[in-house]
Amino acid sequence: MTAGISSAIGDGLVGMNLRVPLFSDSPGVPSSVVVKLASNDPTSRFTGITLRNYEREVKFYNHLAATVDIKAPRCFFADWHETAGDFVIVLEDMSPAEQGNQIIGCGLNHAEAAIDELVALHGPRWNDPTLWDVDFLQRRATAEDAMTLQMMYSGVKTAFLATFGDAISATCGDAGIDFVDQLEKILTPYVCEREEPFTLIHGDFRLDNMLFASARGGARCVVVDWQTPGHGNGIADLAYFIGAGLVLQDRRAYERQLVDRYISGLQSRGVDVDPAWVHRLYRREAAAGVLMSVVASQIVQRTERGDQMFTAMATRHIQHALDSETLSLI
């Protein structure tokens, strides 16, 4: 078997993704694979190592992927160097499925496909006590976690507003800027008062981390980028996706329908879940998207598309939180 010249895939804000053609006489060898590596950018590489993103993705594929039903690429190889922080993952190439676009958002059909995959992730490990024994999962549920997030948020908020403040004001008005300030003040109760039951969560469940069937074929929806898997409240994944995955008018039109689809999907898997509880936490967890937008935008390599993406995410998440009256629930 020989490999051809690789080509870059996507933006790779934290890692680097390459498509590598393969040539072999064996029918069992695929025509191409996707290889994930550490970023060449010093800022993104530092983030990936410090926040354990590279380590967590390797361990997700090696230890957790087979325990849930979500559609993810088949992993042929995954390893991480504990000392140097480097990693390599070799994955099934899911083309001709095409990457979602966080900037333009998605329609109802793609949103429904994503919600169905979210159910396939959350359902199998819902309220599973053995997840407490998986030490590499993010939890963000203690006072120490809250202090860490508080320090990160406070340290980058000014730079975030300098870059995105005008767009936030134009879209959300003064209330949008005020929400960014208010969230800083209530991060401790937001983090420490998250309600169980917990499940296995993705942590960055958004369109750029999904592949959808194209006109040439491919799976209905495939979820990639498993660098932030966690053990927490699954409703945060739900609110995070809906909050920025759909443009404003579509989100307002379809969000209740999509939340109900999530509830029905869990119930069809035998999960005993209270619809009123889900809808209330969905409103509360709109804060998750704002938190991610503020922090993540400042700790990865800055690019033109990255700025466009974080502008779309920040403005949609903040308006989602305002519409949901999130502050009143924390």
C-alpha atoms as a PDB file:
ATOM      1  CA  MET A   1       0.000   0.000   0.000  1.00  0.00           C
ATOM      2  CA  THR A   2       1.195   3.516  -0.804  1.00  0.00           C
ATOM      3  CA  ALA A   3      -0.153   6.953   0.113  1.00  0.00           C
ATOM      4  CA  GLY A   4      -0.644   9.900  -2.207  1.00  0.00           C
ATOM      5  CA  ILE A   5      -0.310  13.629  -1.593  1.00  0.00           C
ATOM      6  CA  SER A   6      -2.506  14.815   1.256  1.00  0.00           C
ATOM      7  CA  SER A   7      -4.847  17.800   1.122  1.00  0.00           C
ATOM      8  CA  ALA A   8      -6.197  19.926   3.980  1.00  0.00           C
ATOM      9  CA  ILE A   9      -9.835  19.644   5.085  1.00  0.00           C
ATOM     10  CA  GLY A  10     -11.711  22.408   6.865  1.00  0.00           C
ATOM     11  CA  ASP A  11     -10.244  25.187   8.997  1.00  0.00           C
ATOM     12  CA  GLY A  12      -8.583  23.140  11.708  1.00  0.00           C
ATOM     13  CA  LEU A  13      -8.791  25.823  14.400  1.00  0.00           C
ATOM     14  CA  VAL A  14      -7.434  23.471  17.099  1.00  0.00           C
ATOM     15  CA  GLY A  15      -6.059  20.583  15.056  1.00  0.00           C
ATOM     16  CA  MET A  16      -5.072  19.830  11.470  1.00  0.00           C
ATOM     17  CA  ASN A  17      -7.196  17.567   9.237  1.00  0.00           C
ATOM     18  CA  LEU A  18      -5.792  15.970   6.094  1.00  0.00           C
ATOM     19  CA  ARG A  19      -7.330  13.758   3.429  1.00  0.00           C
ATOM     20  CA  VAL A  20      -4.779  11.151   2.327  1.00  0.00           C
ATOM     21  CA  PRO A  21      -5.348   9.030  -0.817  1.00  0.00           C
ATOM     22  CA  LEU A  22      -4.308   5.389  -0.563  1.00  0.00           C
ATOM     23  CA  PHE A  23      -3.314   2.978  -3.308  1.00  0.00           C
ATOM     24  CA  SER A  24      -3.423  -0.779  -2.809  1.00  0.00           C
ATOM     25  CA  ASP A  25      -4.297  -3.980  -4.610  1.00  0.00           C
ATOM     26  CA  SER A  26      -6.168  -5.164  -1.529  1.00  0.00           C
ATOM     27  CA  PRO A  27      -9.960  -4.648  -1.724  1.00  0.00           C
ATOM     28  CA  GLY A  28     -10.018  -4.083   2.040  1.00  0.00           C
ATOM     29  CA  VAL A  29      -7.965  -0.883   1.859  1.00  0.00           C
ATOM     30  CA  PRO A  30     -10.053   2.295   1.431  1.00  0.00           C
ATOM     31  CA  SER A  31      -9.246   4.724  -1.379  1.00  0.00           C
ATOM     32  CA  SER A  32      -8.603   7.478   1.149  1.00  0.00           C
ATOM     33  CA  VAL A  33      -8.535   8.212   4.877  1.00  0.00           C
ATOM     34  CA  VAL A  34      -8.687  11.334   7.018  1.00  0.00           C
ATOM     35  CA  VAL A  35      -5.721  11.966   9.313  1.00  0.00           C
ATOM     36  CA  LYS A  36      -5.970  14.309  12.310  1.00  0.00           C
ATOM     37  CA  LEU A  37      -2.800  15.874  13.741  1.00  0.00           C
ATOM     38  CA  ALA A  38      -1.839  18.621  16.184  1.00  0.00           C
ATOM     39  CA  SER A  39      -2.057  22.151  14.817  1.00  0.00           C
ATOM     40  CA  ASN A  40       0.999  23.880  13.358  1.00  0.00           C
ATOM     41  CA  ASP A  41      -0.171  27.150  14.926  1.00  0.00           C
ATOM     42  CA  PRO A  42       1.504  27.694  18.337  1.00  0.00           C
ATOM     43  CA  THR A  43      -1.617  29.197  19.958  1.00  0.00           C
ATOM     44  CA  SER A  44      -3.921  26.432  18.777  1.00  0.00           C
ATOM     45  CA  ARG A  45      -1.390  23.729  19.624  1.00  0.00           C
ATOM     46  CA  PHE A  46      -0.956  25.134  23.148  1.00  0.00           C
ATOM     47  CA  THR A  47      -4.745  25.159  23.571  1.00  0.00           C
ATOM     48  CA  GLY A  48      -5.109  21.609  22.300  1.00  0.00           C
ATOM     49  CA  ILE A  49      -2.476  20.288  24.700  1.00  0.00           C
ATOM     50  CA  THR A  50      -3.359  22.385  27.748  1.00  0.00           C
ATOM     51  CA  LEU A  51      -7.096  21.730  27.553  1.00  0.00           C
ATOM     52  CA  ARG A  52      -6.444  18.039  26.797  1.00  0.00           C
ATOM     53  CA  ASN A  53      -8.348  18.239  23.501  1.00  0.00           C
ATOM     54  CA  TYR A  54      -5.935  15.951  21.666  1.00  0.00           C
ATOM     55  CA  GLU A  55      -5.809  13.421  24.492  1.00  0.00           C
ATOM     56  CA  ARG A  56      -9.603  13.345  24.861  1.00  0.00           C
ATOM     57  CA  GLU A  57     -10.261  12.741  21.181  1.00  0.00           C
ATOM     58  CA  VAL A  58      -7.889   9.783  21.072  1.00  0.00           C
ATOM     59  CA  LYS A  59      -9.441   8.321  24.195  1.00  0.00           C
ATOM     60  CA  PHE A  60     -12.994   8.893  22.940  1.00  0.00           C
ATOM     61  CA  TYR A  61     -12.328   6.801  19.836  1.00  0.00           C
ATOM     62  CA  ASN A  62     -10.399   4.144  21.736  1.00  0.00           C
ATOM     63  CA  HIS A  63     -12.715   3.778  24.745  1.00  0.00           C
ATOM     64  CA  LEU A  64     -16.157   5.348  24.237  1.00  0.00           C
ATOM     65  CA  ALA A  65     -17.183   5.483  20.571  1.00  0.00           C
ATOM     66  CA  ALA A  66     -18.333   1.857  20.562  1.00  0.00           C
ATOM     67  CA  THR A  67     -20.572   2.405  23.615  1.00  0.00           C
ATOM     68  CA  VAL A  68     -22.950   4.874  21.931  1.00  0.00           C
ATOM     69  CA  ASP A  69     -25.043   4.784  18.774  1.00  0.00           C
ATOM     70  CA  ILE A  70     -24.167   8.147  17.236  1.00  0.00           C
ATOM     71  CA  LYS A  71     -22.821   8.000  13.692  1.00  0.00           C
ATOM     72  CA  ALA A  72     -19.101   8.830  13.834  1.00  0.00           C
ATOM     73  CA  PRO A  73     -16.305   7.905  11.418  1.00  0.00           C
ATOM     74  CA  ARG A  74     -14.733   4.506  11.871  1.00  0.00           C
ATOM     75  CA  CYS A  75     -11.379   4.904  13.601  1.00  0.00           C
ATOM     76  CA  PHE A  76      -8.513   2.822  12.184  1.00  0.00           C
ATOM     77  CA  PHE A  77      -5.841   4.107  14.565  1.00  0.00           C
ATOM     78  CA  ALA A  78      -5.570   6.644  17.398  1.00  0.00           C
ATOM     79  CA  ASP A  79      -2.626   7.420  19.671  1.00  0.00           C
ATOM     80  CA  TRP A  80      -1.435  10.302  21.828  1.00  0.00           C
ATOM     81  CA  HIS A  81       2.036  11.115  23.158  1.00  0.00           C
ATOM     82  CA  GLU A  82       1.628  12.046  26.810  1.00  0.00           C
ATOM     83  CA  THR A  83       4.942  13.933  27.079  1.00  0.00           C
ATOM     84  CA  ALA A  84       5.066  15.830  23.787  1.00  0.00           C
ATOM     85  CA  GLY A  85       1.310  16.271  23.429  1.00  0.00           C
ATOM     86  CA  ASP A  86       1.272  15.156  19.784  1.00  0.00           C
ATOM     87  CA  PHE A  87      -1.443  12.860  18.504  1.00  0.00           C
ATOM     88  CA  VAL A  88      -2.524  11.085  15.350  1.00  0.00           C
ATOM     89  CA  ILE A  89      -5.936   9.702  14.462  1.00  0.00           C
ATOM     90  CA  VAL A  90      -6.691   7.868  11.214  1.00  0.00           C
ATOM     91  CA  LEU A  91     -10.370   7.919  10.314  1.00  0.00           C
ATOM     92  CA  GLU A  92     -12.764   6.670   7.693  1.00  0.00           C
ATOM     93  CA  ASP A  93     -13.221   9.252   4.940  1.00  0.00           C
ATOM     94  CA  MET A  94     -16.945  10.072   4.996  1.00  0.00           C
ATOM     95  CA  SER A  95     -17.037  11.794   1.598  1.00  0.00           C
ATOM     96  CA  PRO A  96     -19.189  12.430  -0.402  1.00  0.00           C
ATOM     97  CA  ALA A  97     -20.943  13.688   2.743  1.00  0.00           C
ATOM     98  CA  GLU A  98     -20.231  17.404   3.132  1.00  0.00           C
ATOM     99  CA  GLN A  99     -19.400  19.547   6.145  1.00  0.00           C
ATOM    100  CA  GLY A 100     -22.106  21.711   7.665  1.00  0.00           C
ATOM    101  CA  ASN A 101     -21.607  25.469   7.670  1.00  0.00           C
ATOM    102  CA  GLN A 102     -21.882  27.285  10.982  1.00  0.00           C
ATOM    103  CA  ILE A 103     -21.873  30.679   9.275  1.00  0.00           C
ATOM    104  CA  ILE A 104     -24.913  30.198   7.046  1.00  0.00           C
ATOM    105  CA  GLY A 105     -26.760  27.821   9.386  1.00  0.00           C
ATOM    106  CA  CYS A 106     -28.959  24.916   8.370  1.00  0.00           C
ATOM    107  CA  GLY A 107     -32.536  24.165   7.450  1.00  0.00           C
ATOM    108  CA  LEU A 108     -35.035  22.053   9.340  1.00  0.00           C
ATOM    109  CA  ASN A 109     -34.084  18.764   7.655  1.00  0.00           C
ATOM    110  CA  HIS A 110     -30.439  18.961   8.687  1.00  0.00           C
ATOM    111  CA  ALA A 111     -31.415  20.166  12.147  1.00  0.00           C
ATOM    112  CA  GLU A 112     -33.684  17.144  12.606  1.00  0.00           C
ATOM    113  CA  ALA A 113     -30.901  14.815  11.443  1.00  0.00           C
ATOM    114  CA  ALA A 114     -28.520  16.389  13.974  1.00  0.00           C
ATOM    115  CA  ILE A 115     -31.045  16.080  16.804  1.00  0.00           C
ATOM    116  CA  ASP A 116     -31.544  12.397  15.989  1.00  0.00           C
ATOM    117  CA  GLU A 117     -27.788  11.850  16.267  1.00  0.00           C
ATOM    118  CA  LEU A 118     -27.736  13.722  19.570  1.00  0.00           C
ATOM    119  CA  VAL A 119     -30.338  11.299  20.907  1.00  0.00           C
ATOM    120  CA  ALA A 120     -28.150   8.429  19.671  1.00  0.00           C
ATOM    121  CA  LEU A 121     -25.261   9.873  21.700  1.00  0.00           C
ATOM    122  CA  HIS A 122     -27.122  10.722  24.910  1.00  0.00           C
ATOM    123  CA  GLY A 123     -29.593   7.855  25.123  1.00  0.00           C
ATOM    124  CA  PRO A 124     -27.286   4.835  25.562  1.00  0.00           C
ATOM    125  CA  ARG A 125     -25.326   6.343  28.496  1.00  0.00           C
ATOM    126  CA  TRP A 126     -28.150   8.362  30.117  1.00  0.00           C
ATOM    127  CA  ASN A 127     -27.665   8.431  33.898  1.00  0.00           C
ATOM    128  CA  ASP A 128     -24.940   5.792  33.570  1.00  0.00           C
ATOM    129  CA  PRO A 129     -23.006   5.761  36.895  1.00  0.00           C
ATOM    130  CA  THR A 130     -19.944   4.183  35.292  1.00  0.00           C
ATOM    131  CA  LEU A 131     -19.230   7.454  33.455  1.00  0.00           C
ATOM    132  CA  TRP A 132     -18.038   8.889  36.773  1.00  0.00           C
ATOM    133  CA  ASP A 133     -15.108   6.476  36.502  1.00  0.00           C
ATOM    134  CA  VAL A 134     -13.967   7.856  33.108  1.00  0.00           C
ATOM    135  CA  ASP A 135     -11.337  10.307  34.284  1.00  0.00           C
ATOM    136  CA  PHE A 136     -10.615  12.065  30.986  1.00  0.00           C
ATOM    137  CA  LEU A 137     -14.159  13.394  30.486  1.00  0.00           C
ATOM    138  CA  GLN A 138     -14.828  17.083  31.114  1.00  0.00           C
ATOM    139  CA  ARG A 139     -17.347  17.730  33.905  1.00  0.00           C
ATOM    140  CA  ARG A 140     -17.322  21.416  34.821  1.00  0.00           C
ATOM    141  CA  ALA A 141     -19.558  20.913  37.823  1.00  0.00           C
ATOM    142  CA  THR A 142     -17.446  21.894  40.835  1.00  0.00           C
ATOM    143  CA  ALA A 143     -16.402  25.149  42.490  1.00  0.00           C
ATOM    144  CA  GLU A 144     -12.874  24.564  41.186  1.00  0.00           C
ATOM    145  CA  ASP A 145     -14.236  24.177  37.635  1.00  0.00           C
ATOM    146  CA  ALA A 146     -16.211  27.382  38.080  1.00  0.00           C
ATOM    147  CA  MET A 147     -13.121  29.262  39.265  1.00  0.00           C
ATOM    148  CA  THR A 148     -11.128  28.068  36.243  1.00  0.00           C
ATOM    149  CA  LEU A 149     -13.853  29.134  33.822  1.00  0.00           C
ATOM    150  CA  GLN A 150     -14.242  32.434  35.665  1.00  0.00           C
ATOM    151  CA  MET A 151     -10.537  33.172  35.229  1.00  0.00           C
ATOM    152  CA  MET A 152     -10.600  32.230  31.548  1.00  0.00           C
ATOM    153  CA  TYR A 153     -13.753  34.214  30.840  1.00  0.00           C
ATOM    154  CA  SER A 154     -12.569  37.298  32.719  1.00  0.00           C
ATOM    155  CA  GLY A 155      -9.188  37.143  31.019  1.00  0.00           C
ATOM    156  CA  VAL A 156     -10.557  37.140  27.454  1.00  0.00           C
ATOM    157  CA  LYS A 157     -13.835  39.075  27.726  1.00  0.00           C
ATOM    158  CA  THR A 158     -12.311  42.469  26.901  1.00  0.00           C
ATOM    159  CA  ALA A 159     -10.544  41.144  23.816  1.00  0.00           C
ATOM    160  CA  PHE A 160     -13.708  39.319  22.757  1.00  0.00           C
ATOM    161  CA  LEU A 161     -15.802  42.499  22.956  1.00  0.00           C
ATOM    162  CA  ALA A 162     -13.127  44.491  21.131  1.00  0.00           C
ATOM    163  CA  THR A 163     -13.421  42.069  18.214  1.00  0.00           C
ATOM    164  CA  PHE A 164     -17.123  41.211  18.227  1.00  0.00           C
ATOM    165  CA  GLY A 165     -18.787  43.952  20.287  1.00  0.00           C
ATOM    166  CA  ASP A 166     -19.964  46.025  17.316  1.00  0.00           C
ATOM    167  CA  ALA A 167     -21.621  42.990  15.701  1.00  0.00           C
ATOM    168  CA  ILE A 168     -23.267  42.060  18.998  1.00  0.00           C
ATOM    169  CA  SER A 169     -24.598  45.585  19.496  1.00  0.00           C
ATOM    170  CA  ALA A 170     -25.895  45.735  15.927  1.00  0.00           C
ATOM    171  CA  THR A 171     -27.696  42.395  16.265  1.00  0.00           C
ATOM    172  CA  CYS A 172     -28.695  42.225  19.934  1.00  0.00           C
ATOM    173  CA  GLY A 173     -28.524  45.843  21.092  1.00  0.00           C
ATOM    174  CA  ASP A 174     -27.136  46.992  24.433  1.00  0.00           C
ATOM    175  CA  ALA A 175     -28.802  43.985  26.077  1.00  0.00           C
ATOM    176  CA  GLY A 176     -26.354  41.728  24.239  1.00  0.00           C
ATOM    177  CA  ILE A 177     -23.289  43.469  25.632  1.00  0.00           C
ATOM    178  CA  ASP A 178     -24.899  43.487  29.065  1.00  0.00           C
ATOM    179  CA  PHE A 179     -25.489  39.727  28.886  1.00  0.00           C
ATOM    180  CA  VAL A 180     -21.773  39.125  28.286  1.00  0.00           C
ATOM    181  CA  ASP A 181     -21.032  41.182  31.414  1.00  0.00           C
ATOM    182  CA  GLN A 182     -23.730  39.536  33.503  1.00  0.00           C
ATOM    183  CA  LEU A 183     -22.640  36.008  32.601  1.00  0.00           C
ATOM    184  CA  GLU A 184     -19.213  36.695  34.083  1.00  0.00           C
ATOM    185  CA  LYS A 185     -20.841  37.490  37.427  1.00  0.00           C
ATOM    186  CA  ILE A 186     -22.925  34.316  37.651  1.00  0.00           C
ATOM    187  CA  LEU A 187     -20.573  31.664  36.295  1.00  0.00           C
ATOM    188  CA  THR A 188     -20.207  29.964  39.674  1.00  0.00           C
ATOM    189  CA  PRO A 189     -23.918  29.168  40.176  1.00  0.00           C
ATOM    190  CA  TYR A 190     -24.266  28.388  36.473  1.00  0.00           C
ATOM    191  CA  VAL A 191     -21.528  25.746  36.663  1.00  0.00           C
ATOM    192  CA  CYS A 192     -22.163  24.366  40.152  1.00  0.00           C
ATOM    193  CA  GLU A 193     -25.940  24.054  39.975  1.00  0.00           C
ATOM    194  CA  ARG A 194     -26.232  21.925  36.841  1.00  0.00           C
ATOM    195  CA  GLU A 195     -28.876  19.275  37.275  1.00  0.00           C
ATOM    196  CA  GLU A 196     -28.527  15.533  36.863  1.00  0.00           C
ATOM    197  CA  PRO A 197     -29.082  13.057  35.308  1.00  0.00           C
ATOM    198  CA  PHE A 198     -25.851  13.341  33.339  1.00  0.00           C
ATOM    199  CA  THR A 199     -24.830  11.518  30.189  1.00  0.00           C
ATOM    200  CA  LEU A 200     -21.975  11.393  27.675  1.00  0.00           C
ATOM    201  CA  ILE A 201     -21.922  14.740  25.859  1.00  0.00           C
ATOM    202  CA  HIS A 202     -20.102  16.031  22.777  1.00  0.00           C
ATOM    203  CA  GLY A 203     -19.220  19.475  24.140  1.00  0.00           C
ATOM    204  CA  ASP A 204     -19.021  21.253  20.755  1.00  0.00           C
ATOM    205  CA  PHE A 205     -22.090  19.955  18.957  1.00  0.00           C
ATOM    206  CA  ARG A 206     -22.354  22.381  16.034  1.00  0.00           C
ATOM    207  CA  LEU A 207     -22.641  22.374  12.264  1.00  0.00           C
ATOM    208  CA  ASP A 208     -18.934  22.643  11.449  1.00  0.00           C
ATOM    209  CA  ASN A 209     -18.483  19.370  13.346  1.00  0.00           C
ATOM    210  CA  MET A 210     -21.074  17.518  11.288  1.00  0.00           C
ATOM    211  CA  LEU A 211     -21.174  16.007   7.808  1.00  0.00           C
ATOM    212  CA  PHE A 212     -24.411  15.686   5.856  1.00  0.00           C
ATOM    213  CA  ALA A 213     -25.381  13.704   2.767  1.00  0.00           C
ATOM    214  CA  SER A 214     -24.680  15.578  -0.456  1.00  0.00           C
ATOM    215  CA  ALA A 215     -26.172  15.266  -3.929  1.00  0.00           C
ATOM    216  CA  ARG A 216     -23.485  12.618  -4.570  1.00  0.00           C
ATOM    217  CA  GLY A 217     -24.503  10.574  -1.538  1.00  0.00           C
ATOM    218  CA  GLY A 218     -23.094   9.932   1.904  1.00  0.00           C
ATOM    219  CA  ALA A 219     -24.537   9.315   5.345  1.00  0.00           C
ATOM    220  CA  ARG A 220     -27.511  11.390   6.520  1.00  0.00           C
ATOM    221  CA  CYS A 221     -25.497  12.927   9.369  1.00  0.00           C
ATOM    222  CA  VAL A 222     -22.063  12.090  10.784  1.00  0.00           C
ATOM    223  CA  VAL A 223     -20.615  13.784  13.867  1.00  0.00           C
ATOM    224  CA  VAL A 224     -16.884  14.494  14.046  1.00  0.00           C
ATOM    225  CA  ASP A 225     -14.394  16.443  16.202  1.00  0.00           C
ATOM    226  CA  TRP A 226     -14.525  14.616  19.519  1.00  0.00           C
ATOM    227  CA  GLN A 227     -11.995  16.847  21.296  1.00  0.00           C
ATOM    228  CA  THR A 228     -14.343  17.999  24.060  1.00  0.00           C
ATOM    229  CA  PRO A 229     -16.308  14.941  25.239  1.00  0.00           C
ATOM    230  CA  GLY A 230     -17.780  15.373  28.674  1.00  0.00           C
ATOM    231  CA  HIS A 231     -19.934  13.893  31.396  1.00  0.00           C
ATOM    232  CA  GLY A 232     -22.711  16.369  32.018  1.00  0.00           C
ATOM    233  CA  ASN A 233     -26.176  17.589  31.269  1.00  0.00           C
ATOM    234  CA  GLY A 234     -27.085  16.620  27.726  1.00  0.00           C
ATOM    235  CA  ILE A 235     -29.446  19.573  27.379  1.00  0.00           C
ATOM    236  CA  ALA A 236     -26.383  21.816  27.040  1.00  0.00           C
ATOM    237  CA  ASP A 237     -25.518  20.043  23.751  1.00  0.00           C
ATOM    238  CA  LEU A 238     -29.117  20.512  22.627  1.00  0.00           C
ATOM    239  CA  ALA A 239     -29.279  24.239  23.402  1.00  0.00           C
ATOM    240  CA  TYR A 240     -25.828  24.826  21.968  1.00  0.00           C
ATOM    241  CA  PHE A 241     -26.747  23.273  18.627  1.00  0.00           C
ATOM    242  CA  ILE A 242     -30.152  24.895  18.196  1.00  0.00           C
ATOM    243  CA  GLY A 243     -28.970  28.270  19.494  1.00  0.00           C
ATOM    244  CA  ALA A 244     -26.512  28.868  16.665  1.00  0.00           C
ATOM    245  CA  GLY A 245     -27.217  26.115  14.150  1.00  0.00           C
ATOM    246  CA  LEU A 246     -30.258  27.910  12.775  1.00  0.00           C
ATOM    247  CA  VAL A 247     -30.543  31.561  11.805  1.00  0.00           C
ATOM    248  CA  LEU A 248     -32.693  33.703  14.076  1.00  0.00           C
ATOM    249  CA  GLN A 249     -36.057  33.398  12.347  1.00  0.00           C
ATOM    250  CA  ASP A 250     -35.681  29.645  11.833  1.00  0.00           C
ATOM    251  CA  ARG A 251     -34.569  29.064  15.395  1.00  0.00           C
ATOM    252  CA  ARG A 252     -37.588  30.926  16.743  1.00  0.00           C
ATOM    253  CA  ALA A 253     -39.901  29.037  14.378  1.00  0.00           C
ATOM    254  CA  TYR A 254     -38.569  25.522  14.957  1.00  0.00           C
ATOM    255  CA  GLU A 255     -36.875  25.345  18.359  1.00  0.00           C
ATOM    256  CA  ARG A 256     -39.833  23.954  20.302  1.00  0.00           C
ATOM    257  CA  GLN A 257     -40.419  21.376  17.572  1.00  0.00           C
ATOM    258  CA  LEU A 258     -36.750  20.337  17.728  1.00  0.00           C
ATOM    259  CA  VAL A 259     -36.678  20.146  21.529  1.00  0.00           C
ATOM    260  CA  ASP A 260     -39.803  17.973  21.431  1.00  0.00           C
ATOM    261  CA  ARG A 261     -38.129  15.752  18.822  1.00  0.00           C
ATOM    262  CA  TYR A 262     -35.191  15.283  21.209  1.00  0.00           C
ATOM    263  CA  ILE A 263     -37.557  14.381  24.068  1.00  0.00           C
ATOM    264  CA  SER A 264     -39.504  11.915  21.925  1.00  0.00           C
ATOM    265  CA  GLY A 265     -36.264  10.345  20.707  1.00  0.00           C
ATOM    266  CA  LEU A 266     -35.046   9.732  24.249  1.00  0.00           C
ATOM    267  CA  GLN A 267     -38.414   8.345  25.316  1.00  0.00           C
ATOM    268  CA  SER A 268     -38.415   5.958  22.344  1.00  0.00           C
ATOM    269  CA  ARG A 269     -35.153   4.557  23.742  1.00  0.00           C
ATOM    270  CA  GLY A 270     -36.711   3.943  27.139  1.00  0.00           C
ATOM    271  CA  VAL A 271     -35.280   7.050  28.825  1.00  0.00           C
ATOM    272  CA  ASP A 272     -37.650   8.421  31.449  1.00  0.00           C
ATOM    273  CA  VAL A 273     -37.393  12.169  30.913  1.00  0.00           C
ATOM    274  CA  ASP A 274     -39.733  14.973  32.010  1.00  0.00           C
ATOM    275  CA  PRO A 275     -40.561  17.272  29.048  1.00  0.00           C
ATOM    276  CA  ALA A 276     -41.038  20.300  31.319  1.00  0.00           C
ATOM    277  CA  TRP A 277     -37.582  19.710  32.834  1.00  0.00           C
ATOM    278  CA  VAL A 278     -35.978  19.528  29.380  1.00  0.00           C
ATOM    279  CA  HIS A 279     -37.673  22.716  28.168  1.00  0.00           C
ATOM    280  CA  ARG A 280     -36.630  24.614  31.310  1.00  0.00           C
ATOM    281  CA  LEU A 281     -33.019  23.470  31.127  1.00  0.00           C
ATOM    282  CA  TYR A 282     -32.967  24.206  27.400  1.00  0.00           C
ATOM    283  CA  ARG A 283     -33.623  27.858  28.252  1.00  0.00           C
ATOM    284  CA  ARG A 284     -31.028  27.863  31.058  1.00  0.00           C
ATOM    285  CA  GLU A 285     -28.346  26.154  28.972  1.00  0.00           C
ATOM    286  CA  ALA A 286     -28.500  28.857  26.284  1.00  0.00           C
ATOM    287  CA  ALA A 287     -25.644  30.298  28.356  1.00  0.00           C
ATOM    288  CA  ALA A 288     -23.375  27.442  27.213  1.00  0.00           C
ATOM    289  CA  GLY A 289     -23.119  28.843  23.707  1.00  0.00           C
ATOM    290  CA  VAL A 290     -22.262  32.334  24.922  1.00  0.00           C
ATOM    291  CA  LEU A 291     -19.558  30.947  27.201  1.00  0.00           C
ATOM    292  CA  MET A 292     -18.065  28.896  24.365  1.00  0.00           C
ATOM    293  CA  SER A 293     -18.145  31.847  21.946  1.00  0.00           C
ATOM    294  CA  VAL A 294     -16.358  34.192  24.328  1.00  0.00           C
ATOM    295  CA  VAL A 295     -13.627  31.795  25.435  1.00  0.00           C
ATOM    296  CA  ALA A 296     -13.005  29.677  22.332  1.00  0.00           C
ATOM    297  CA  SER A 297     -12.746  32.653  19.987  1.00  0.00           C
ATOM    298  CA  GLN A 298      -9.770  33.962  21.960  1.00  0.00           C
ATOM    299  CA  ILE A 299      -7.698  30.816  22.440  1.00  0.00           C
ATOM    300  CA  VAL A 300      -7.368  29.502  18.877  1.00  0.00           C
ATOM    301  CA  GLN A 301      -5.613  30.723  15.774  1.00  0.00           C
ATOM    302  CA  ARG A 302      -7.438  33.746  14.337  1.00  0.00           C
ATOM    303  CA  THR A 303      -8.563  33.457  10.695  1.00  0.00           C
ATOM    304  CA  GLU A 304     -10.964  35.353   8.445  1.00  0.00           C
ATOM    305  CA  ARG A 305     -13.435  32.488   8.391  1.00  0.00           C
ATOM    306  CA  GLY A 306     -12.959  31.964  12.100  1.00  0.00           C
ATOM    307  CA  ASP A 307     -13.980  35.564  12.762  1.00  0.00           C
ATOM    308  CA  GLN A 308     -17.074  35.116  10.582  1.00  0.00           C
ATOM    309  CA  MET A 309     -17.950  31.897  12.367  1.00  0.00           C
ATOM    310  CA  PHE A 310     -17.538  33.320  15.869  1.00  0.00           C
ATOM    311  CA  THR A 311     -19.525  36.417  14.882  1.00  0.00           C
ATOM    312  CA  ALA A 312     -22.422  34.201  13.789  1.00  0.00           C
ATOM    313  CA  MET A 313     -22.142  32.031  16.885  1.00  0.00           C
ATOM    314  CA  ALA A 314     -21.837  34.877  19.373  1.00  0.00           C
ATOM    315  CA  THR A 315     -24.726  36.933  18.018  1.00  0.00           C
ATOM    316  CA  ARG A 316     -27.056  33.938  17.689  1.00  0.00           C
ATOM    317  CA  HIS A 317     -26.181  32.471  21.085  1.00  0.00           C
ATOM    318  CA  ILE A 318     -26.597  35.805  22.852  1.00  0.00           C
ATOM    319  CA  GLN A 319     -29.951  36.466  21.201  1.00  0.00           C
ATOM    320  CA  HIS A 320     -30.993  32.918  22.077  1.00  0.00           C
ATOM    321  CA  ALA A 321     -30.131  33.580  25.729  1.00  0.00           C
ATOM    322  CA  LEU A 322     -32.041  36.881  25.681  1.00  0.00           C
ATOM    323  CA  ASP A 323     -35.093  35.250  24.085  1.00  0.00           C
ATOM    324  CA  SER A 324     -34.923  32.425  26.642  1.00  0.00           C
ATOM    325  CA  GLU A 325     -34.576  34.787  29.617  1.00  0.00           C
ATOM    326  CA  THR A 326     -31.640  32.650  30.657  1.00  0.00           C
ATOM    327  CA  LEU A 327     -30.415  34.916  33.459  1.00  0.00           C
ATOM    328  CA  SER A 328     -33.687  34.457  35.339  1.00  0.00           C
ATOM    329  CA  LEU A 329     -33.023  30.699  35.523  1.00  0.00           C
ATOM    330  CA  ILE A 330     -29.487  30.836  36.946  1.00  0.00           C
END
